[in-house]
Amino acid sequence: MVFVGLIAFAQTDKTTTTKIVESKNYTFVARSVTPLNTQDINMVMSKMPGAMLGGTINLSETYYEVKVTPDSVVAFLPYYGRSFTAPINQTEGGVKFTSKKFEYKSSKGKKRGWNTVVETKDVPENYRLAFSISDEGYVTLSLNSNNKQSVSYQGYLKENESK
């Protein structure tokens, strides 16, 4: 007889989540991405070897993130969807930016968690990042831009490490 157990742990506790969101000092770690237009994505993915269809694409947790500090927002995320202009340099794909001039609005959710919006003002492609943050630190990030279709990321928050 074999027993298999699954235990889910919160990423942060309520006190830590409140502290890091209010102090603008956290990193969002992306675990998966859901493109808006999954039909187009499925057409491309179905032609690849070992293709998996579906709306969600799993990501490496050690690689893609958005770091928020009181004086900057730094994003490094993959992008799956329709872009209305293509970058000239192949290394400029995805969502990569550092913003020092941005608007940050955060409010407590109606029942639980936080709703936080970051709007960049100093990057060529204006981004609007809407974080829906649970008390336990789980996050859905909706990313909008003036040049790309919307996309959603799922992941969690972690406290920024002290230097």
C-alpha atoms as a PDB file:
ATOM      1  CA  MET A   1       0.000   0.000   0.000  1.00  0.00           C
ATOM      2  CA  VAL A   2       1.366   3.412  -0.990  1.00  0.00           C
ATOM      3  CA  PHE A   3       0.184   6.725   0.398  1.00  0.00           C
ATOM      4  CA  VAL A   4       0.858   9.920  -1.428  1.00  0.00           C
ATOM      5  CA  GLY A   5       0.329  13.233   0.300  1.00  0.00           C
ATOM      6  CA  LEU A   6       0.242  16.738  -1.045  1.00  0.00           C
ATOM      7  CA  ILE A   7       0.892  19.666   1.222  1.00  0.00           C
ATOM      8  CA  ALA A   8       0.528  23.235  -0.001  1.00  0.00           C
ATOM      9  CA  PHE A   9       2.443  25.953   1.790  1.00  0.00           C
ATOM     10  CA  ALA A  10       1.754  29.651   1.515  1.00  0.00           C
ATOM     11  CA  GLN A  11       4.499  31.687  -0.117  1.00  0.00           C
ATOM     12  CA  THR A  12       4.399  34.384   2.555  1.00  0.00           C
ATOM     13  CA  ASP A  13       2.253  34.925   5.609  1.00  0.00           C
ATOM     14  CA  LYS A  14      -0.327  37.719   5.817  1.00  0.00           C
ATOM     15  CA  THR A  15       1.937  39.991   7.879  1.00  0.00           C
ATOM     16  CA  THR A  16       4.861  39.644   5.468  1.00  0.00           C
ATOM     17  CA  THR A  17       2.628  40.149   2.421  1.00  0.00           C
ATOM     18  CA  THR A  18       1.180  43.334   3.943  1.00  0.00           C
ATOM     19  CA  LYS A  19       4.640  44.637   4.853  1.00  0.00           C
ATOM     20  CA  ILE A  20       6.251  44.070   1.447  1.00  0.00           C
ATOM     21  CA  VAL A  21       3.274  45.373  -0.575  1.00  0.00           C
ATOM     22  CA  GLU A  22       2.961  48.533   1.532  1.00  0.00           C
ATOM     23  CA  SER A  23       6.712  49.173   1.424  1.00  0.00           C
ATOM     24  CA  LYS A  24       6.918  48.491  -2.368  1.00  0.00           C
ATOM     25  CA  ASN A  25       9.696  45.999  -1.752  1.00  0.00           C
ATOM     26  CA  TYR A  26       8.962  42.640  -3.378  1.00  0.00           C
ATOM     27  CA  THR A  27       9.604  40.399  -6.342  1.00  0.00           C
ATOM     28  CA  PHE A  28       6.859  38.689  -8.311  1.00  0.00           C
ATOM     29  CA  VAL A  29       8.071  35.258  -9.470  1.00  0.00           C
ATOM     30  CA  ALA A  30       6.188  33.966 -12.531  1.00  0.00           C
ATOM     31  CA  ARG A  31       5.283  30.251 -12.551  1.00  0.00           C
ATOM     32  CA  SER A  32       2.977  30.211 -15.583  1.00  0.00           C
ATOM     33  CA  VAL A  33       1.570  32.464 -18.296  1.00  0.00           C
ATOM     34  CA  THR A  34      -1.836  32.480 -19.974  1.00  0.00           C
ATOM     35  CA  PRO A  35      -1.945  34.320 -23.319  1.00  0.00           C
ATOM     36  CA  LEU A  36      -5.131  36.161 -24.193  1.00  0.00           C
ATOM     37  CA  ASN A  37      -5.472  34.559 -27.619  1.00  0.00           C
ATOM     38  CA  THR A  38      -4.921  30.862 -26.864  1.00  0.00           C
ATOM     39  CA  GLN A  39      -6.281  29.823 -30.270  1.00  0.00           C
ATOM     40  CA  ASP A  40      -3.342  31.467 -32.088  1.00  0.00           C
ATOM     41  CA  ILE A  41      -0.858  30.074 -29.568  1.00  0.00           C
ATOM     42  CA  ASN A  42      -2.277  26.549 -29.948  1.00  0.00           C
ATOM     43  CA  MET A  43      -1.862  26.748 -33.726  1.00  0.00           C
ATOM     44  CA  VAL A  44       1.855  27.490 -33.308  1.00  0.00           C
ATOM     45  CA  MET A  45       2.433  25.069 -30.409  1.00  0.00           C
ATOM     46  CA  SER A  46       0.686  22.169 -32.224  1.00  0.00           C
ATOM     47  CA  LYS A  47       3.405  22.212 -34.889  1.00  0.00           C
ATOM     48  CA  MET A  48       6.194  21.681 -32.344  1.00  0.00           C
ATOM     49  CA  PRO A  49       7.474  18.241 -31.312  1.00  0.00           C
ATOM     50  CA  GLY A  50       5.916  16.998 -28.069  1.00  0.00           C
ATOM     51  CA  ALA A  51       3.308  19.726 -28.302  1.00  0.00           C
ATOM     52  CA  MET A  52       0.974  20.384 -25.429  1.00  0.00           C
ATOM     53  CA  LEU A  53      -2.178  22.316 -26.121  1.00  0.00           C
ATOM     54  CA  GLY A  54      -4.037  24.437 -23.669  1.00  0.00           C
ATOM     55  CA  GLY A  55      -4.134  27.985 -22.465  1.00  0.00           C
ATOM     56  CA  THR A  56      -1.423  27.879 -19.797  1.00  0.00           C
ATOM     57  CA  ILE A  57       2.325  27.661 -20.374  1.00  0.00           C
ATOM     58  CA  ASN A  58       4.485  26.633 -17.409  1.00  0.00           C
ATOM     59  CA  LEU A  59       7.646  28.630 -16.744  1.00  0.00           C
ATOM     60  CA  SER A  60      10.904  28.106 -14.881  1.00  0.00           C
ATOM     61  CA  GLU A  61      10.465  29.672 -11.410  1.00  0.00           C
ATOM     62  CA  THR A  62      14.097  30.708 -11.167  1.00  0.00           C
ATOM     63  CA  TYR A  63      14.119  32.896 -14.246  1.00  0.00           C
ATOM     64  CA  TYR A  64      11.143  35.200 -14.891  1.00  0.00           C
ATOM     65  CA  GLU A  65      10.231  37.972 -12.478  1.00  0.00           C
ATOM     66  CA  VAL A  66       9.160  41.561 -11.817  1.00  0.00           C
ATOM     67  CA  LYS A  67      11.110  43.295  -9.069  1.00  0.00           C
ATOM     68  CA  VAL A  68       9.397  46.243  -7.376  1.00  0.00           C
ATOM     69  CA  THR A  69      11.289  48.684  -5.149  1.00  0.00           C
ATOM     70  CA  PRO A  70      10.319  52.186  -4.012  1.00  0.00           C
ATOM     71  CA  ASP A  71      12.430  53.750  -6.780  1.00  0.00           C
ATOM     72  CA  SER A  72      12.241  51.234  -9.671  1.00  0.00           C
ATOM     73  CA  VAL A  73      10.358  48.439 -11.391  1.00  0.00           C
ATOM     74  CA  VAL A  74      12.423  45.879 -13.305  1.00  0.00           C
ATOM     75  CA  ALA A  75      10.649  43.279 -15.460  1.00  0.00           C
ATOM     76  CA  PHE A  76      11.985  40.214 -17.235  1.00  0.00           C
ATOM     77  CA  LEU A  77       9.068  38.106 -18.497  1.00  0.00           C
ATOM     78  CA  PRO A  78       8.396  35.996 -21.577  1.00  0.00           C
ATOM     79  CA  TYR A  79       5.623  37.100 -23.915  1.00  0.00           C
ATOM     80  CA  TYR A  80       3.220  34.829 -25.764  1.00  0.00           C
ATOM     81  CA  GLY A  81       0.672  36.555 -27.929  1.00  0.00           C
ATOM     82  CA  ARG A  82       0.275  39.055 -30.711  1.00  0.00           C
ATOM     83  CA  SER A  83       2.655  41.992 -30.828  1.00  0.00           C
ATOM     84  CA  PHE A  84       1.694  44.858 -33.116  1.00  0.00           C
ATOM     85  CA  THR A  85       5.303  45.767 -33.951  1.00  0.00           C
ATOM     86  CA  ALA A  86       8.301  43.468 -33.900  1.00  0.00           C
ATOM     87  CA  PRO A  87      11.643  44.442 -32.337  1.00  0.00           C
ATOM     88  CA  ILE A  88      14.557  44.830 -34.741  1.00  0.00           C
ATOM     89  CA  ASN A  89      16.947  43.044 -32.366  1.00  0.00           C
ATOM     90  CA  GLN A  90      15.956  39.434 -31.532  1.00  0.00           C
ATOM     91  CA  THR A  91      17.143  39.823 -27.934  1.00  0.00           C
ATOM     92  CA  GLU A  92      14.556  42.552 -27.329  1.00  0.00           C
ATOM     93  CA  GLY A  93      11.578  40.160 -27.384  1.00  0.00           C
ATOM     94  CA  GLY A  94       9.404  39.452 -24.379  1.00  0.00           C
ATOM     95  CA  VAL A  95       8.745  41.997 -21.644  1.00  0.00           C
ATOM     96  CA  LYS A  96      12.026  43.541 -20.493  1.00  0.00           C
ATOM     97  CA  PHE A  97      12.241  46.984 -18.965  1.00  0.00           C
ATOM     98  CA  THR A  98      13.597  49.044 -16.105  1.00  0.00           C
ATOM     99  CA  SER A  99      11.399  51.950 -15.057  1.00  0.00           C
ATOM    100  CA  LYS A 100      12.411  54.661 -12.618  1.00  0.00           C
ATOM    101  CA  LYS A 101       9.397  56.853 -13.361  1.00  0.00           C
ATOM    102  CA  PHE A 102       6.188  54.982 -12.641  1.00  0.00           C
ATOM    103  CA  GLU A 103       2.850  55.305 -10.896  1.00  0.00           C
ATOM    104  CA  TYR A 104       2.131  52.843  -8.055  1.00  0.00           C
ATOM    105  CA  LYS A 105      -1.376  52.431  -6.624  1.00  0.00           C
ATOM    106  CA  SER A 106      -2.209  49.787  -4.059  1.00  0.00           C
ATOM    107  CA  SER A 107      -5.430  49.122  -2.194  1.00  0.00           C
ATOM    108  CA  LYS A 108      -6.720  46.438   0.130  1.00  0.00           C
ATOM    109  CA  GLY A 109      -9.078  43.999  -1.588  1.00  0.00           C
ATOM    110  CA  LYS A 110     -12.777  43.989  -0.681  1.00  0.00           C
ATOM    111  CA  LYS A 111     -12.522  40.757   1.286  1.00  0.00           C
ATOM    112  CA  ARG A 112      -8.858  39.770   1.263  1.00  0.00           C
ATOM    113  CA  GLY A 113      -5.537  40.505  -0.343  1.00  0.00           C
ATOM    114  CA  TRP A 114      -4.345  43.481  -2.344  1.00  0.00           C
ATOM    115  CA  ASN A 115      -4.961  45.088  -5.732  1.00  0.00           C
ATOM    116  CA  THR A 116      -1.874  46.882  -6.989  1.00  0.00           C
ATOM    117  CA  VAL A 117      -1.364  48.702 -10.282  1.00  0.00           C
ATOM    118  CA  VAL A 118       1.972  49.854 -11.683  1.00  0.00           C
ATOM    119  CA  GLU A 119       2.041  52.088 -14.780  1.00  0.00           C
ATOM    120  CA  THR A 120       5.382  52.849 -16.391  1.00  0.00           C
ATOM    121  CA  LYS A 121       6.012  56.381 -17.676  1.00  0.00           C
ATOM    122  CA  ASP A 122       9.599  56.233 -18.969  1.00  0.00           C
ATOM    123  CA  VAL A 123       9.886  53.144 -21.169  1.00  0.00           C
ATOM    124  CA  PRO A 124       9.254  53.152 -24.946  1.00  0.00           C
ATOM    125  CA  GLU A 125       6.327  50.752 -24.605  1.00  0.00           C
ATOM    126  CA  ASN A 126       4.003  51.910 -21.827  1.00  0.00           C
ATOM    127  CA  TYR A 127       3.110  48.997 -19.550  1.00  0.00           C
ATOM    128  CA  ARG A 128       0.287  48.612 -17.047  1.00  0.00           C
ATOM    129  CA  LEU A 129       0.839  45.810 -14.547  1.00  0.00           C
ATOM    130  CA  ALA A 130      -2.193  44.894 -12.421  1.00  0.00           C
ATOM    131  CA  PHE A 131      -1.269  42.607  -9.526  1.00  0.00           C
ATOM    132  CA  SER A 132      -4.039  40.725  -7.710  1.00  0.00           C
ATOM    133  CA  ILE A 133      -2.277  39.562  -4.531  1.00  0.00           C
ATOM    134  CA  SER A 134      -3.674  37.093  -1.984  1.00  0.00           C
ATOM    135  CA  ASP A 135      -2.881  37.371   1.738  1.00  0.00           C
ATOM    136  CA  GLU A 136      -0.682  34.284   1.312  1.00  0.00           C
ATOM    137  CA  GLY A 137       1.401  35.902  -1.440  1.00  0.00           C
ATOM    138  CA  TYR A 138      -0.088  34.182  -4.494  1.00  0.00           C
ATOM    139  CA  VAL A 139      -0.436  36.547  -7.444  1.00  0.00           C
ATOM    140  CA  THR A 140      -2.166  36.934 -10.780  1.00  0.00           C
ATOM    141  CA  LEU A 141      -0.492  39.616 -12.873  1.00  0.00           C
ATOM    142  CA  SER A 142      -2.391  41.089 -15.826  1.00  0.00           C
ATOM    143  CA  LEU A 143      -0.041  42.883 -18.182  1.00  0.00           C
ATOM    144  CA  ASN A 144      -1.267  45.428 -20.731  1.00  0.00           C
ATOM    145  CA  SER A 145       0.746  47.494 -23.167  1.00  0.00           C
ATOM    146  CA  ASN A 146       0.191  49.853 -26.054  1.00  0.00           C
ATOM    147  CA  ASN A 147       1.990  47.410 -28.377  1.00  0.00           C
ATOM    148  CA  LYS A 148       0.954  43.889 -27.315  1.00  0.00           C
ATOM    149  CA  GLN A 149      -2.160  41.885 -26.556  1.00  0.00           C
ATOM    150  CA  SER A 150      -2.890  41.449 -22.865  1.00  0.00           C
ATOM    151  CA  VAL A 151      -1.438  38.453 -21.069  1.00  0.00           C
ATOM    152  CA  SER A 152      -1.786  37.028 -17.540  1.00  0.00           C
ATOM    153  CA  TYR A 153       0.930  35.527 -15.364  1.00  0.00           C
ATOM    154  CA  GLN A 154       0.443  33.401 -12.263  1.00  0.00           C
ATOM    155  CA  GLY A 155       3.030  33.180  -9.513  1.00  0.00           C
ATOM    156  CA  TYR A 156       3.929  34.358  -6.054  1.00  0.00           C
ATOM    157  CA  LEU A 157       5.600  37.179  -4.150  1.00  0.00           C
ATOM    158  CA  LYS A 158       8.848  37.006  -2.277  1.00  0.00           C
ATOM    159  CA  GLU A 159      10.527  39.611  -0.158  1.00  0.00           C
ATOM    160  CA  ASN A 160      13.472  41.373  -1.796  1.00  0.00           C
ATOM    161  CA  GLU A 161      16.773  40.377  -0.256  1.00  0.00           C
ATOM    162  CA  SER A 162      18.654  43.037   1.682  1.00  0.00           C
ATOM    163  CA  LYS A 163      21.909  44.175   0.129  1.00  0.00           C
END
